[in-house]
Amino acid sequence: MILHTIDTGFFKLDGGAMFGVVPKTIWNKTNPADENNLCTWAMRCLLVEDGDRLILIDTGIGDKQDEKFFKHYYLHGNATMDKSLAAKGFHRDDITDVFLTHLHFDHVGGAVKREGEKLRPAFKNAFYWSNKDHWEWAVNPNEREKASFLKENILPIQDSGQLRFINTEDGIKFSEDFHVKFAFGHTEAMMLPLINYKGKQVLYMADLLPSVGHLPMPYVMAYDISPLKTLGEKKIILTEALEKEYILYLEHDAENECCTLQQTEKGIRVKETFNLSTL
């Protein structure tokens, strides 16, 4: 198995929304905001060479929306999905599986492309993996999350016949060395890949832990549908990650790809940060 970081650029979101009840005077020290109170976040995907499968975890925001949509998110940086894949020697048509942690626009937007007036899967040879609980949650969205679940990002996948569901049993195997954990606080049935890699375990954190700045337990996003549930899930998963020495792969941290954890007087905190390529 080989893992590759796939960068798809940066965007901005409101710092207060990203840190919930935590005051700006505190979170601004680790994630400084601009004059509009916006912080920069990565859209960092992961490519998994696993035998004869080439699995892409999440797809970034994509490029098919209009200017009115994108102006809210201040996309920047030179990285794109195609450039990052090419740098690793791949093309999007090589992808056999697209594993979607959840269907919010910054994770699934790149899964669908626009061809003229039509919307089609951006990875034509891939199966797209979600789970039935989350899919139903996304196609029939609540008012709180409706702006994050865009039908143009989701329904073309189903219409293509490329959609597949996995079940929501804890610890499910996606492949021999690729297991799945589930979290329900950020959104219904978000999936967290846990990958055995070079004698270590790499946990893809998706939106359970956007950045190392979110390690303190109360640092929970205002976007989460059930903040107290997120708090409980963070305690369980971060404690497990500490005990089992997981490497945490960070999808949204603008500076840090990966980190390990240590116990301190203040609780579980970052031990080391590093790039995946150093493993």
Protein backbone atom coordinates (compact mmCIF):
# COMPACT_ATOMS: atom_id res chain seq x y z
CA MET A 1 0.00 0.00 0.00
CA ILE A 2 1.13 3.55 -0.79
CA LEU A 3 -0.51 6.77 0.46
CA HIS A 4 -0.30 10.09 -1.37
CA THR A 5 -1.36 13.54 -0.21
CA ILE A 6 -3.63 15.18 -2.79
CA ASP A 7 -3.93 18.93 -2.31
CA THR A 8 -6.83 20.72 -4.01
CA GLY A 9 -6.25 24.27 -2.80
CA PHE A 10 -7.39 26.49 0.06
CA PHE A 11 -10.58 28.28 0.99
CA LYS A 12 -11.78 30.55 3.78
CA LEU A 13 -14.47 30.16 6.41
CA ASP A 14 -15.57 32.29 9.33
CA GLY A 15 -13.31 31.71 12.32
CA GLY A 16 -16.11 32.00 14.83
CA ALA A 17 -18.13 29.34 13.04
CA MET A 18 -15.10 27.06 12.95
CA PHE A 19 -14.49 27.30 16.69
CA GLY A 20 -18.00 27.52 18.11
CA VAL A 21 -18.17 28.80 21.68
CA VAL A 22 -14.41 29.43 21.95
CA PRO A 23 -13.61 33.19 22.02
CA LYS A 24 -11.64 34.69 19.17
CA THR A 25 -9.00 35.97 21.58
CA ILE A 26 -8.10 32.31 22.16
CA TRP A 27 -8.47 30.59 18.75
CA ASN A 28 -6.93 33.50 16.87
CA LYS A 29 -3.56 32.60 18.40
CA THR A 30 -3.40 29.29 16.52
CA ASN A 31 -5.60 30.07 13.51
CA PRO A 32 -5.26 33.81 12.83
CA ALA A 33 -8.16 35.45 11.01
CA ASP A 34 -8.02 38.12 8.33
CA GLU A 35 -9.75 41.50 8.51
CA ASN A 36 -13.07 39.83 7.67
CA ASN A 37 -12.75 37.29 10.48
CA LEU A 38 -12.04 34.54 7.94
CA CYS A 39 -9.47 31.79 8.46
CA THR A 40 -7.69 29.82 5.74
CA TRP A 41 -8.36 26.08 5.49
CA ALA A 42 -6.94 23.35 3.29
CA MET A 43 -8.93 20.89 1.21
CA ARG A 44 -6.49 18.01 1.51
CA CYS A 45 -7.56 14.67 0.07
CA LEU A 46 -5.81 11.30 0.29
CA LEU A 47 -4.99 8.82 -2.47
CA VAL A 48 -4.61 5.18 -1.49
CA GLU A 49 -2.84 2.66 -3.73
CA ASP A 50 -4.25 -0.59 -2.40
CA GLY A 51 -3.47 -3.58 -4.59
CA ASP A 52 -5.35 -3.15 -7.86
CA ARG A 53 -7.50 -0.38 -6.39
CA LEU A 54 -6.76 3.33 -6.47
CA ILE A 55 -8.93 4.93 -3.80
CA LEU A 56 -9.45 8.69 -3.52
CA ILE A 57 -10.74 9.93 -0.16
CA ASP A 58 -12.82 13.09 -0.63
CA THR A 59 -12.59 15.42 -3.62
CA GLY A 60 -12.41 19.04 -2.45
CA ILE A 61 -14.80 21.76 -3.57
CA GLY A 62 -14.42 21.31 -7.33
CA ASP A 63 -14.80 24.05 -9.94
CA LYS A 64 -18.28 23.70 -11.42
CA GLN A 65 -20.16 26.24 -9.26
CA ASP A 66 -20.71 29.80 -10.41
CA GLU A 67 -18.87 32.94 -9.36
CA LYS A 68 -21.66 33.90 -6.95
CA PHE A 69 -21.08 30.68 -5.01
CA PHE A 70 -17.30 30.80 -4.99
CA LYS A 71 -17.05 34.45 -3.91
CA HIS A 72 -18.15 33.41 -0.42
CA TYR A 73 -15.19 31.05 0.01
CA TYR A 74 -12.18 32.93 -1.41
CA LEU A 75 -10.56 29.97 -3.14
CA HIS A 76 -6.81 30.38 -3.51
CA GLY A 77 -3.58 28.46 -4.02
CA ASN A 78 -2.14 26.75 -7.09
CA ALA A 79 -3.05 23.16 -6.26
CA THR A 80 -5.85 21.38 -8.09
CA MET A 81 -7.06 17.80 -8.16
CA ASP A 82 -5.66 17.19 -11.65
CA LYS A 83 -2.29 18.79 -10.90
CA SER A 84 -1.88 16.83 -7.67
CA LEU A 85 -2.83 13.53 -9.30
CA ALA A 86 -0.47 14.19 -12.20
CA ALA A 87 2.38 14.93 -9.80
CA LYS A 88 1.92 11.40 -8.45
CA GLY A 89 1.76 9.90 -11.92
CA PHE A 90 -2.01 9.46 -12.11
CA HIS A 91 -5.03 10.73 -14.00
CA ARG A 92 -8.58 10.99 -12.66
CA ASP A 93 -9.61 8.16 -15.00
CA ASP A 94 -7.26 5.84 -13.06
CA ILE A 95 -9.33 6.19 -9.88
CA THR A 96 -11.27 2.99 -9.09
CA ASP A 97 -13.02 4.18 -5.91
CA VAL A 98 -14.03 7.57 -4.55
CA PHE A 99 -14.62 7.31 -0.81
CA LEU A 100 -16.69 10.24 0.47
CA THR A 101 -16.39 10.89 4.19
CA HIS A 102 -19.58 12.95 3.93
CA LEU A 103 -21.43 15.01 1.36
CA HIS A 104 -20.81 18.62 2.42
CA PHE A 105 -19.79 20.73 -0.57
CA ASP A 106 -16.11 21.13 0.37
CA HIS A 107 -15.71 17.34 0.48
CA VAL A 108 -17.83 16.21 -2.47
CA GLY A 109 -17.87 19.18 -4.86
CA GLY A 110 -15.02 17.78 -6.94
CA ALA A 111 -16.82 14.46 -7.38
CA VAL A 112 -18.99 15.89 -10.17
CA LYS A 113 -17.97 17.96 -13.20
CA ARG A 114 -19.90 20.09 -15.62
CA GLU A 115 -19.82 19.17 -19.30
CA GLY A 116 -21.78 21.81 -21.17
CA GLU A 117 -25.24 21.75 -19.63
CA LYS A 118 -24.79 18.30 -18.09
CA LEU A 119 -23.38 17.21 -14.75
CA ARG A 120 -21.41 13.98 -14.74
CA PRO A 121 -19.17 12.08 -12.32
CA ALA A 122 -15.66 13.52 -12.50
CA PHE A 123 -14.16 10.04 -12.06
CA LYS A 124 -15.82 8.04 -14.79
CA ASN A 125 -14.27 4.67 -13.93
CA ALA A 126 -14.82 4.80 -10.18
CA PHE A 127 -17.41 3.55 -7.78
CA TYR A 128 -18.50 6.28 -5.36
CA TRP A 129 -18.84 5.14 -1.75
CA SER A 130 -21.17 6.64 0.85
CA ASN A 131 -23.51 4.98 3.35
CA LYS A 132 -27.28 4.79 3.22
CA ASP A 133 -27.90 6.73 6.45
CA HIS A 134 -25.77 9.67 5.39
CA TRP A 135 -27.04 9.61 1.81
CA GLU A 136 -30.66 9.86 2.93
CA TRP A 137 -29.67 12.64 5.34
CA ALA A 138 -28.05 14.57 2.50
CA VAL A 139 -30.72 14.20 -0.19
CA ASN A 140 -33.44 15.18 2.29
CA PRO A 141 -31.52 17.85 4.19
CA ASN A 142 -32.57 19.65 7.34
CA GLU A 143 -32.74 23.44 7.25
CA ARG A 144 -29.51 23.78 9.22
CA GLU A 145 -27.41 21.83 6.71
CA LYS A 146 -29.30 22.54 3.50
CA ALA A 147 -26.72 25.04 2.24
CA SER A 148 -23.97 22.42 2.56
CA PHE A 149 -25.78 19.60 0.75
CA LEU A 150 -26.01 20.76 -2.86
CA LYS A 151 -28.06 18.51 -5.13
CA GLU A 152 -25.73 19.14 -8.07
CA ASN A 153 -22.91 17.57 -6.04
CA ILE A 154 -24.91 14.51 -5.07
CA LEU A 155 -27.69 13.43 -7.42
CA PRO A 156 -25.51 13.01 -10.55
CA ILE A 157 -23.57 10.33 -8.68
CA GLN A 158 -26.74 8.36 -8.09
CA ASP A 159 -28.02 8.94 -11.61
CA SER A 160 -24.77 7.58 -13.07
CA GLY A 161 -25.18 4.15 -11.48
CA GLN A 162 -21.74 4.48 -9.88
CA LEU A 163 -23.01 4.93 -6.32
CA ARG A 164 -22.34 2.22 -3.75
CA PHE A 165 -23.21 2.04 -0.04
CA ILE A 166 -21.30 0.48 2.82
CA ASN A 167 -22.99 -0.33 6.11
CA THR A 168 -22.56 1.58 9.35
CA GLU A 169 -21.23 -1.18 11.55
CA ASP A 170 -18.34 0.03 13.68
CA GLY A 171 -14.97 -1.07 12.38
CA ILE A 172 -16.20 -2.16 8.96
CA LYS A 173 -13.56 -3.28 6.48
CA PHE A 174 -13.43 -1.37 3.21
CA SER A 175 -10.38 -3.45 2.32
CA GLU A 176 -7.96 -5.58 4.31
CA ASP A 177 -5.98 -2.57 5.54
CA PHE A 178 -8.69 0.08 5.27
CA HIS A 179 -11.28 0.15 8.03
CA VAL A 180 -14.00 2.71 8.70
CA LYS A 181 -15.08 4.47 11.86
CA PHE A 182 -18.29 6.51 12.09
CA ALA A 183 -19.06 9.83 13.77
CA PHE A 184 -22.47 11.45 14.13
CA GLY A 185 -21.92 14.85 15.74
CA HIS A 186 -20.77 16.87 12.74
CA THR A 187 -23.34 15.32 10.44
CA GLU A 188 -25.19 12.00 10.25
CA ALA A 189 -22.86 8.99 9.78
CA MET A 190 -19.67 10.72 8.70
CA MET A 191 -17.01 8.13 7.83
CA LEU A 192 -13.42 8.22 9.09
CA PRO A 193 -10.96 5.93 7.27
CA LEU A 194 -8.44 4.10 9.47
CA ILE A 195 -5.61 2.75 7.34
CA ASN A 196 -2.82 0.34 8.25
CA TYR A 197 0.30 1.83 6.68
CA LYS A 198 3.95 0.89 7.13
CA GLY A 199 3.31 -0.62 10.54
CA LYS A 200 1.33 2.40 11.73
CA GLN A 201 -2.32 3.39 11.69
CA VAL A 202 -3.37 6.56 9.88
CA LEU A 203 -6.77 8.01 10.82
CA TYR A 204 -8.32 10.41 8.32
CA MET A 205 -10.03 12.95 10.56
CA ALA A 206 -12.40 14.64 8.06
CA ASP A 207 -14.44 17.20 10.06
CA LEU A 208 -14.17 15.57 13.47
CA LEU A 209 -10.85 17.37 13.88
CA PRO A 210 -10.34 20.08 11.24
CA SER A 211 -6.93 21.21 12.55
CA VAL A 212 -4.48 20.82 15.42
CA GLY A 213 -6.04 24.03 16.74
CA HIS A 214 -9.19 22.01 17.43
CA LEU A 215 -7.55 19.46 19.74
CA PRO A 216 -8.90 20.88 23.03
CA MET A 217 -12.17 19.08 23.69
CA PRO A 218 -14.50 22.14 23.79
CA TYR A 219 -13.21 23.38 20.42
CA VAL A 220 -16.17 22.16 18.36
CA MET A 221 -17.43 23.80 15.18
CA ALA A 222 -20.68 25.74 15.20
CA TYR A 223 -21.49 23.89 11.96
CA ASP A 224 -21.92 20.58 13.85
CA ILE A 225 -25.49 19.35 14.13
CA SER A 226 -24.89 17.84 17.60
CA PRO A 227 -21.98 19.59 19.35
CA LEU A 228 -22.25 17.51 22.54
CA LYS A 229 -22.16 14.34 20.47
CA THR A 230 -19.04 15.64 18.71
CA LEU A 231 -17.51 16.34 22.10
CA GLY A 232 -18.11 12.75 23.19
CA GLU A 233 -16.79 11.35 19.92
CA LYS A 234 -13.65 13.48 20.17
CA LYS A 235 -12.96 12.17 23.66
CA ILE A 236 -13.35 8.55 22.58
CA ILE A 237 -11.41 8.76 19.33
CA LEU A 238 -8.61 11.03 20.54
CA THR A 239 -8.11 8.85 23.62
CA GLU A 240 -7.92 5.80 21.37
CA ALA A 241 -5.55 7.61 19.02
CA LEU A 242 -3.29 8.52 21.94
CA GLU A 243 -3.24 5.00 23.37
CA LYS A 244 -2.70 3.29 20.01
CA GLU A 245 -0.35 5.95 18.65
CA TYR A 246 -2.42 6.75 15.57
CA ILE A 247 -1.20 9.25 13.03
CA LEU A 248 -3.96 11.79 12.44
CA TYR A 249 -4.33 12.97 8.84
CA LEU A 250 -5.80 16.48 8.79
CA GLU A 251 -8.03 17.43 5.89
CA HIS A 252 -8.47 21.13 6.69
CA ASP A 253 -5.35 22.25 8.58
CA ALA A 254 -3.69 24.85 6.36
CA GLU A 255 -0.22 24.21 7.80
CA ASN A 256 -0.09 20.65 9.09
CA GLU A 257 -0.76 17.44 7.16
CA CYS A 258 -0.36 14.97 10.01
CA CYS A 259 0.13 14.92 13.74
CA THR A 260 0.63 12.59 16.67
CA LEU A 261 -0.69 13.13 20.18
CA GLN A 262 0.57 13.32 23.75
CA GLN A 263 -1.03 13.64 27.17
CA THR A 264 -0.35 16.96 28.91
CA GLU A 265 -1.58 18.70 32.04
CA LYS A 266 -4.12 20.48 29.87
CA GLY A 267 -5.32 17.29 28.21
CA ILE A 268 -4.55 15.62 24.89
CA ARG A 269 -2.44 17.89 22.74
CA VAL A 270 -0.26 17.72 19.64
CA LYS A 271 3.07 15.91 19.98
CA GLU A 272 4.56 16.24 16.51
CA THR A 273 3.42 17.56 13.14
CA PHE A 274 4.85 16.30 9.85
CA ASN A 275 4.07 15.51 6.23
CA LEU A 276 2.78 12.10 5.21
CA SER A 277 5.69 11.69 2.79
CA THR A 278 8.14 11.46 5.71
CA LEU A 279 6.74 8.10 6.86
